[in-house]
Amino acid sequence: MIRVLLLIDSASEFDRKLLRGIVRYSKENGPWLFYRLPSYFRWEVDGENKVMEWVQQWKPSAIIGRWGDRQVERLGELNIPIVLQNYRKRSSVYSNITGDYLGTGAMAAEFFARRLFRNYAFFGVRGVVWSDERREGFRREVERRGGNFYLLEVDRPESEIHSEVARWLHDLPKPVALFCCDDAHALVISEACKRENISIPNDIALLGVDNDDLICNISDPPISSIGLEVERGGYTVGQLLHQRILSGSCEPFSVVINPVHIEQRQSTERHNIENPYIGRVVKYIEEHFEAELTIEQLAELIPLSRRSLELKFKEEMRTTIYQYIMSCRIERFTHLLITTDRTLADIAIEAGFRDCNNISRVFKKFKGCTPLEYRLRNRIL
């Protein structure tokens, strides 16, 4: 029987989703026997040696986990497949559970750019690969678009950074689009804003990563977050690990976990729109895009003629009203596509498309592939 040692602390949603994917693969191709050692175990006095002694007694077929830079060399003594989650850096010796961190940062910048922000900020952890590269992807896209970029990185416990975070938040130009390296750090910002009477989302639009439902909804307002294909990544880890075990190979591999969608909550319910009439129309569209909206209906909301509304909307939003409505529908359709098993026709109707026959053509125009191709590549079930 395949025996897998898990050096993973399953307190985070990322780790739980990863384990769900691995376990799903094992149930389809097992049985596998798992044993979990919490990550804190190896930080105890002489913990490293205790872990190694226990491993040599239990004789696992493989290990999946996170290991400190100083300790990781010890694993090579075991001569079994080792899969490590990235932390300080990617491993050059063992298999990696990694991510498109640069792409995640770029996705965050693009999301805020569609909301017309000019000021962008990043809050992260100094010297860890997933935070460093998310920062770089975000910064590059912000600078490509001509935005202003602000940065705060920390490497100390949360209890020691309260005053530093508070000063930084007060000094940021408002409104500002603030992207955090993960949801836990977004929650730090949310709590700091509460203490400092800084409004989310009016002063700071806040976005995290991992879409940890519990952490995001502890916040008031709830935090928007970038969802990752973690469970799919876990399944792939199980698949590749199984191949190595059966062949007796320790050849390393990398599983890249990609960002797939943004779960929008109240922390980003703000557009940097100067014209209040256009802001009112945009808000109405985002709340009613699934209905049969007409420009005449929208013009009735504000004291502008249809022609004036069309001109001012395009000037402010850099797109037409029709294109904006379609983009809202496509984003809703995309979310349902990768988070449900429902038919294309069913989710198209819910997203506001009346002509289901054209949904593939419209989707490909926005996303560059068909809905079924997108679902196969990005589903997060």
Protein backbone atom coordinates (compact mmCIF):
# COMPACT_ATOMS: atom_id res chain seq x y z
CA MET A 1 0.00 0.00 0.00
CA ILE A 2 1.20 3.52 -0.79
CA ARG A 3 1.97 5.46 2.39
CA VAL A 4 2.19 9.25 2.21
CA LEU A 5 3.49 11.43 5.01
CA LEU A 6 1.89 14.89 5.10
CA LEU A 7 4.02 17.62 6.66
CA ILE A 8 1.20 20.10 6.12
CA ASP A 9 -0.61 22.17 8.74
CA SER A 10 -4.20 22.09 7.43
CA ALA A 11 -5.23 25.31 9.19
CA SER A 12 -5.33 27.30 5.94
CA GLU A 13 -7.92 26.97 3.18
CA PHE A 14 -5.10 26.56 0.64
CA ASP A 15 -3.77 23.48 2.44
CA ARG A 16 -7.25 22.01 2.89
CA LYS A 17 -8.06 22.41 -0.82
CA LEU A 18 -4.70 20.92 -1.75
CA LEU A 19 -5.34 17.92 0.48
CA ARG A 20 -8.86 17.48 -0.93
CA GLY A 21 -7.39 17.17 -4.42
CA ILE A 22 -4.73 14.69 -3.30
CA VAL A 23 -7.28 12.61 -1.37
CA ARG A 24 -9.69 12.61 -4.32
CA TYR A 25 -6.97 11.17 -6.55
CA SER A 26 -6.04 8.56 -3.92
CA LYS A 27 -9.66 7.38 -3.58
CA GLU A 28 -9.91 6.93 -7.34
CA ASN A 29 -6.55 5.12 -7.60
CA GLY A 30 -5.81 3.83 -4.11
CA PRO A 31 -6.13 2.91 -1.44
CA TRP A 32 -3.43 5.17 0.00
CA LEU A 33 -2.55 5.48 3.66
CA PHE A 34 -1.92 9.03 4.93
CA TYR A 35 -0.24 10.17 8.13
CA ARG A 36 -0.22 13.85 8.99
CA LEU A 37 2.44 15.48 11.12
CA PRO A 38 1.47 19.11 11.85
CA SER A 39 4.04 21.57 10.58
CA TYR A 40 4.72 22.96 14.08
CA PHE A 41 6.05 19.54 15.14
CA ARG A 42 9.35 20.05 13.35
CA TRP A 43 9.93 23.44 15.01
CA GLU A 44 10.01 21.93 18.47
CA VAL A 45 13.30 21.33 20.29
CA ASP A 46 15.16 18.72 18.24
CA GLY A 47 12.01 18.52 16.08
CA GLU A 48 13.93 17.99 12.85
CA ASN A 49 15.63 14.86 14.17
CA LYS A 50 12.36 13.58 15.64
CA VAL A 51 10.65 13.89 12.28
CA MET A 52 13.49 12.07 10.53
CA GLU A 53 13.48 9.28 13.12
CA TRP A 54 9.73 8.86 12.76
CA VAL A 55 9.98 8.82 8.95
CA GLN A 56 12.63 6.11 9.04
CA GLN A 57 10.40 3.97 11.28
CA TRP A 58 7.14 4.45 9.32
CA LYS A 59 8.86 4.19 5.92
CA PRO A 60 6.54 6.33 3.80
CA SER A 61 6.42 5.95 0.01
CA ALA A 62 6.52 9.74 -0.40
CA ILE A 63 6.39 13.02 1.53
CA ILE A 64 4.30 16.10 0.79
CA GLY A 65 4.82 19.23 2.83
CA ARG A 66 6.72 22.39 3.60
CA TRP A 67 10.23 22.32 5.04
CA GLY A 68 12.58 25.08 6.07
CA ASP A 69 15.52 26.00 3.85
CA ARG A 70 18.02 24.85 6.43
CA GLN A 71 16.30 21.50 7.01
CA VAL A 72 15.37 20.49 3.49
CA GLU A 73 18.71 18.83 2.72
CA ARG A 74 17.96 16.14 5.30
CA LEU A 75 15.10 14.81 3.16
CA GLY A 76 17.54 13.68 0.47
CA GLU A 77 18.70 10.91 2.79
CA LEU A 78 15.36 9.12 2.34
CA ASN A 79 15.57 8.37 -1.41
CA ILE A 80 11.80 8.69 -1.92
CA PRO A 81 9.74 11.23 -3.92
CA ILE A 82 9.51 14.56 -2.06
CA VAL A 83 6.99 17.29 -2.95
CA LEU A 84 7.44 20.69 -1.32
CA GLN A 85 5.20 23.74 -1.17
CA ASN A 86 7.12 26.87 -2.13
CA TYR A 87 7.98 29.21 0.72
CA ARG A 88 11.27 31.11 0.67
CA LYS A 89 12.14 29.86 -2.80
CA ARG A 90 11.47 27.07 -5.27
CA SER A 91 13.37 23.87 -4.70
CA SER A 92 16.00 22.97 -7.27
CA VAL A 93 16.24 19.39 -5.98
CA TYR A 94 12.73 18.22 -5.03
CA SER A 95 9.32 18.50 -6.70
CA ASN A 96 7.53 21.85 -6.34
CA ILE A 97 3.97 22.83 -5.60
CA THR A 98 4.25 26.31 -7.03
CA GLY A 99 2.05 28.91 -8.70
CA ASP A 100 1.75 31.52 -11.40
CA TYR A 101 2.47 34.23 -8.87
CA LEU A 102 3.39 36.84 -11.49
CA GLY A 103 0.14 36.15 -13.33
CA THR A 104 -1.82 36.47 -10.08
CA GLY A 105 -0.36 39.93 -9.50
CA ALA A 106 -1.14 40.97 -13.07
CA MET A 107 -4.72 39.74 -12.69
CA ALA A 108 -5.14 41.91 -9.59
CA ALA A 109 -3.82 45.01 -11.39
CA GLU A 110 -6.07 44.39 -14.40
CA PHE A 111 -9.09 44.00 -12.11
CA PHE A 112 -8.42 47.34 -10.43
CA ALA A 113 -7.57 49.02 -13.74
CA ARG A 114 -11.05 48.15 -15.04
CA ARG A 115 -12.32 50.13 -12.06
CA LEU A 116 -10.26 53.10 -13.23
CA PHE A 117 -7.92 53.40 -10.24
CA ARG A 118 -4.80 55.51 -10.60
CA ASN A 119 -3.20 54.67 -7.22
CA TYR A 120 -2.21 51.08 -6.44
CA ALA A 121 -0.61 49.57 -3.34
CA PHE A 122 0.78 46.17 -2.36
CA PHE A 123 1.11 44.72 1.15
CA GLY A 124 3.18 41.56 1.47
CA VAL A 125 5.86 39.48 3.17
CA ARG A 126 9.48 40.24 2.39
CA GLY A 127 11.65 37.44 1.05
CA VAL A 128 9.12 34.69 0.23
CA VAL A 129 8.71 33.70 -3.40
CA TRP A 130 4.90 33.71 -3.59
CA SER A 131 4.67 37.23 -2.14
CA ASP A 132 7.69 38.62 -4.01
CA GLU A 133 6.41 37.46 -7.40
CA ARG A 134 2.82 38.55 -6.76
CA ARG A 135 4.22 41.97 -5.94
CA GLU A 136 6.28 42.02 -9.13
CA GLY A 137 3.41 40.91 -11.34
CA PHE A 138 1.20 43.57 -9.80
CA ARG A 139 3.85 46.32 -10.00
CA ARG A 140 4.76 45.61 -13.63
CA GLU A 141 1.15 45.75 -14.79
CA VAL A 142 0.49 48.93 -12.77
CA GLU A 143 3.55 50.64 -14.26
CA ARG A 144 2.64 49.42 -17.77
CA ARG A 145 -0.71 51.15 -17.36
CA GLY A 146 0.84 54.34 -15.98
CA GLY A 147 -0.45 53.99 -12.41
CA ASN A 148 1.19 55.07 -9.16
CA PHE A 149 2.62 52.18 -7.11
CA TYR A 150 3.10 52.08 -3.31
CA LEU A 151 4.60 49.26 -1.27
CA LEU A 152 4.80 47.93 2.27
CA GLU A 153 6.50 44.60 3.03
CA VAL A 154 7.03 43.15 6.49
CA ASP A 155 8.91 40.21 7.98
CA ARG A 156 7.87 40.51 11.62
CA PRO A 157 4.93 39.16 13.65
CA GLU A 158 1.61 40.97 13.24
CA SER A 159 1.73 42.29 16.82
CA GLU A 160 4.89 44.28 15.97
CA ILE A 161 3.67 45.99 12.80
CA HIS A 162 0.43 47.71 13.87
CA SER A 163 1.86 51.23 14.02
CA GLU A 164 3.85 50.80 10.78
CA VAL A 165 0.76 49.56 8.89
CA ALA A 166 -1.38 52.36 10.32
CA ARG A 167 1.08 55.07 9.24
CA TRP A 168 1.35 53.56 5.77
CA LEU A 169 -2.41 53.37 5.31
CA HIS A 170 -2.86 57.00 6.39
CA ASP A 171 -0.09 58.14 4.01
CA LEU A 172 -1.50 56.36 0.96
CA PRO A 173 -3.27 58.66 -1.53
CA LYS A 174 -7.01 58.02 -1.60
CA PRO A 175 -8.77 56.34 -3.22
CA VAL A 176 -6.31 53.48 -3.61
CA ALA A 177 -6.52 49.91 -4.88
CA LEU A 178 -4.70 47.72 -2.34
CA PHE A 179 -3.65 44.18 -3.26
CA CYS A 180 -2.40 41.86 -0.51
CA CYS A 181 -0.16 38.82 -0.92
CA ASP A 182 -2.88 36.57 0.58
CA ASP A 183 -6.17 36.72 2.46
CA ALA A 184 -4.54 36.60 5.90
CA HIS A 185 -2.64 39.81 5.15
CA ALA A 186 -5.76 41.37 3.63
CA LEU A 187 -7.48 40.71 6.96
CA VAL A 188 -4.61 42.55 8.73
CA ILE A 189 -5.34 45.57 6.51
CA SER A 190 -9.09 45.30 7.10
CA GLU A 191 -8.62 45.26 10.88
CA ALA A 192 -6.17 48.17 10.72
CA CYS A 193 -8.65 50.21 8.69
CA LYS A 194 -11.29 49.60 11.36
CA ARG A 195 -8.96 50.85 14.09
CA GLU A 196 -7.90 53.89 12.06
CA ASN A 197 -11.37 54.83 10.75
CA ILE A 198 -10.33 54.34 7.12
CA SER A 199 -13.22 53.36 4.89
CA ILE A 200 -13.26 50.13 2.86
CA PRO A 201 -14.09 50.31 -0.04
CA ASN A 202 -14.48 54.11 -0.32
CA ASP A 203 -10.90 55.00 0.64
CA ILE A 204 -9.27 51.61 0.09
CA ALA A 205 -10.47 48.91 -2.29
CA LEU A 206 -9.07 45.68 -0.84
CA LEU A 207 -8.20 42.42 -2.63
CA GLY A 208 -6.55 39.23 -1.32
CA VAL A 209 -5.53 35.82 -2.68
CA ASP A 210 -6.68 32.23 -1.90
CA ASN A 211 -10.42 32.94 -1.57
CA ASP A 212 -10.44 31.58 1.98
CA ASP A 213 -14.15 31.90 2.67
CA LEU A 214 -13.80 32.02 6.45
CA ILE A 215 -11.05 34.65 6.54
CA CYS A 216 -12.70 36.77 3.84
CA ASN A 217 -16.03 36.82 5.68
CA ILE A 218 -14.58 37.49 9.13
CA SER A 219 -13.77 40.92 7.74
CA ASP A 220 -16.32 43.72 7.72
CA PRO A 221 -16.83 44.36 4.88
CA PRO A 222 -16.03 40.91 3.44
CA ILE A 223 -12.84 40.76 1.37
CA SER A 224 -12.73 40.11 -2.37
CA SER A 225 -10.14 37.51 -3.29
CA ILE A 226 -8.46 35.76 -6.21
CA GLY A 227 -9.45 32.11 -6.38
CA LEU A 228 -6.81 29.53 -7.32
CA GLU A 229 -7.13 26.08 -8.89
CA VAL A 230 -5.74 24.50 -5.71
CA GLU A 231 -7.88 21.34 -5.59
CA ARG A 232 -7.10 20.62 -9.24
CA GLY A 233 -3.42 21.17 -8.41
CA GLY A 234 -3.66 18.69 -5.53
CA TYR A 235 -5.18 16.09 -7.83
CA THR A 236 -2.28 16.59 -10.28
CA VAL A 237 0.23 16.24 -7.43
CA GLY A 238 -1.37 12.89 -6.56
CA GLN A 239 -1.25 11.77 -10.18
CA LEU A 240 2.42 12.66 -10.75
CA LEU A 241 3.48 11.33 -7.35
CA HIS A 242 1.75 8.03 -8.12
CA GLN A 243 3.70 7.73 -11.38
CA ARG A 244 6.99 8.30 -9.54
CA ILE A 245 6.19 5.76 -6.83
CA LEU A 246 5.19 3.06 -9.32
CA SER A 247 8.31 3.62 -11.42
CA GLY A 248 10.66 3.90 -8.45
CA SER A 249 11.78 7.33 -9.66
CA CYS A 250 12.55 10.42 -7.58
CA GLU A 251 12.72 12.69 -10.64
CA PRO A 252 11.32 16.09 -9.60
CA PHE A 253 8.30 17.74 -11.19
CA SER A 254 6.49 21.05 -10.73
CA VAL A 255 2.75 21.57 -10.40
CA VAL A 256 1.78 25.17 -11.16
CA ILE A 257 -1.42 26.37 -9.47
CA ASN A 258 -2.99 29.14 -11.53
CA PRO A 259 -5.35 31.98 -10.63
CA VAL A 260 -8.76 31.36 -12.20
CA HIS A 261 -11.25 33.99 -11.04
CA ILE A 262 -11.91 36.86 -8.64
CA GLU A 263 -14.60 36.31 -6.01
CA GLN A 264 -16.02 39.79 -5.60
CA ARG A 265 -17.24 40.86 -2.18
CA GLN A 266 -17.97 44.26 -0.65
CA SER A 267 -14.32 45.27 -0.15
CA THR A 268 -14.01 46.16 -3.86
CA GLU A 269 -17.45 47.66 -4.42
CA ARG A 270 -15.98 50.91 -5.66
CA HIS A 271 -15.10 52.36 -9.02
CA ASN A 272 -12.88 55.39 -9.25
CA ILE A 273 -15.51 57.23 -11.30
CA GLU A 274 -15.52 61.02 -11.15
CA ASN A 275 -18.92 61.58 -12.76
CA PRO A 276 -21.59 60.67 -10.14
CA TYR A 277 -24.21 60.02 -12.81
CA ILE A 278 -22.00 57.46 -14.54
CA GLY A 279 -21.18 55.94 -11.17
CA ARG A 280 -24.90 55.49 -10.52
CA VAL A 281 -25.41 53.84 -13.91
CA VAL A 282 -22.43 51.49 -13.42
CA LYS A 283 -23.74 50.43 -10.00
CA TYR A 284 -27.18 49.74 -11.47
CA ILE A 285 -25.69 47.67 -14.31
CA GLU A 286 -23.62 45.56 -11.91
CA GLU A 287 -26.70 44.85 -9.81
CA HIS A 288 -29.06 44.12 -12.74
CA PHE A 289 -26.88 42.93 -15.65
CA GLU A 290 -28.86 39.67 -15.93
CA ALA A 291 -31.99 41.65 -16.85
CA GLU A 292 -32.83 42.95 -20.33
CA LEU A 293 -31.26 46.38 -19.90
CA THR A 294 -31.70 49.13 -22.47
CA ILE A 295 -29.93 52.46 -22.74
CA GLU A 296 -33.32 54.18 -22.49
CA GLN A 297 -33.90 52.47 -19.11
CA LEU A 298 -30.49 53.55 -17.86
CA ALA A 299 -31.00 57.13 -19.05
CA GLU A 300 -34.13 57.34 -16.89
CA LEU A 301 -31.96 56.89 -13.79
CA ILE A 302 -30.13 60.19 -14.29
CA PRO A 303 -30.72 63.69 -15.73
CA LEU A 304 -28.91 62.97 -19.01
CA SER A 305 -30.17 62.32 -22.50
CA ARG A 306 -29.45 58.97 -24.12
CA ARG A 307 -26.78 60.51 -26.34
CA SER A 308 -25.10 62.35 -23.45
CA LEU A 309 -25.14 59.18 -21.36
CA GLU A 310 -23.48 57.17 -24.12
CA LEU A 311 -20.76 59.78 -24.66
CA LYS A 312 -20.02 60.39 -20.99
CA PHE A 313 -20.07 56.66 -20.19
CA LYS A 314 -17.50 55.88 -22.87
CA GLU A 315 -15.36 58.86 -21.82
CA GLU A 316 -15.38 57.75 -18.17
CA MET A 317 -15.34 53.95 -18.52
CA ARG A 318 -13.33 53.66 -21.79
CA THR A 319 -15.91 51.25 -23.19
CA THR A 320 -19.50 51.38 -24.42
CA ILE A 321 -22.53 50.66 -22.26
CA TYR A 322 -23.30 47.55 -24.30
CA GLN A 323 -19.75 46.22 -23.95
CA TYR A 324 -19.78 46.86 -20.21
CA ILE A 325 -23.04 44.95 -19.77
CA MET A 326 -21.62 42.08 -21.81
CA SER A 327 -18.42 42.00 -19.74
CA CYS A 328 -20.48 41.76 -16.51
CA ARG A 329 -22.47 38.87 -17.96
CA ILE A 330 -19.34 37.09 -19.17
CA GLU A 331 -17.70 37.36 -15.74
CA ARG A 332 -20.79 35.87 -14.09
CA PHE A 333 -20.96 33.15 -16.74
CA THR A 334 -17.25 32.37 -16.23
CA HIS A 335 -17.67 32.07 -12.47
CA LEU A 336 -20.57 29.61 -12.85
CA LEU A 337 -18.66 27.74 -15.56
CA ILE A 338 -15.75 26.80 -13.29
CA THR A 339 -17.62 26.42 -9.99
CA THR A 340 -20.62 24.31 -11.09
CA ASP A 341 -21.44 21.34 -13.32
CA ARG A 342 -24.52 23.01 -14.79
CA THR A 343 -25.10 23.07 -18.55
CA LEU A 344 -23.90 25.98 -20.67
CA ALA A 345 -27.48 26.91 -21.57
CA ASP A 346 -28.52 26.95 -17.91
CA ILE A 347 -25.71 29.21 -16.71
CA ALA A 348 -25.97 31.42 -19.80
CA ILE A 349 -29.59 32.21 -18.93
CA GLU A 350 -28.67 32.96 -15.29
CA ALA A 351 -25.89 35.31 -16.48
CA GLY A 352 -28.34 37.27 -18.63
CA PHE A 353 -27.80 35.83 -22.11
CA ARG A 354 -31.07 35.31 -23.95
CA ASP A 355 -29.61 33.76 -27.10
CA CYS A 356 -27.78 30.67 -25.84
CA ASN A 357 -26.78 29.66 -29.36
CA ASN A 358 -24.24 32.49 -29.52
CA ILE A 359 -22.69 32.06 -26.08
CA SER A 360 -19.62 30.18 -27.37
CA ARG A 361 -18.88 32.86 -29.94
CA VAL A 362 -19.29 35.70 -27.43
CA PHE A 363 -17.26 33.88 -24.77
CA LYS A 364 -14.39 33.20 -27.17
CA LYS A 365 -14.29 36.88 -28.09
CA PHE A 366 -13.73 37.81 -24.44
CA LYS A 367 -11.65 34.85 -23.21
CA GLY A 368 -9.91 33.53 -26.32
CA CYS A 369 -11.30 29.98 -26.10
CA THR A 370 -14.61 28.15 -26.00
CA PRO A 371 -16.53 27.71 -22.71
CA LEU A 372 -15.85 23.97 -22.64
CA GLU A 373 -12.12 24.49 -23.20
CA TYR A 374 -12.07 27.07 -20.41
CA ARG A 375 -13.97 24.75 -18.05
CA LEU A 376 -11.59 21.85 -18.67
CA ARG A 377 -8.52 24.02 -17.99
CA ASN A 378 -9.78 26.01 -15.03
CA ARG A 379 -12.51 24.24 -13.12
CA ILE A 380 -12.02 24.45 -9.35
CA LEU A 381 -14.42 21.76 -8.16
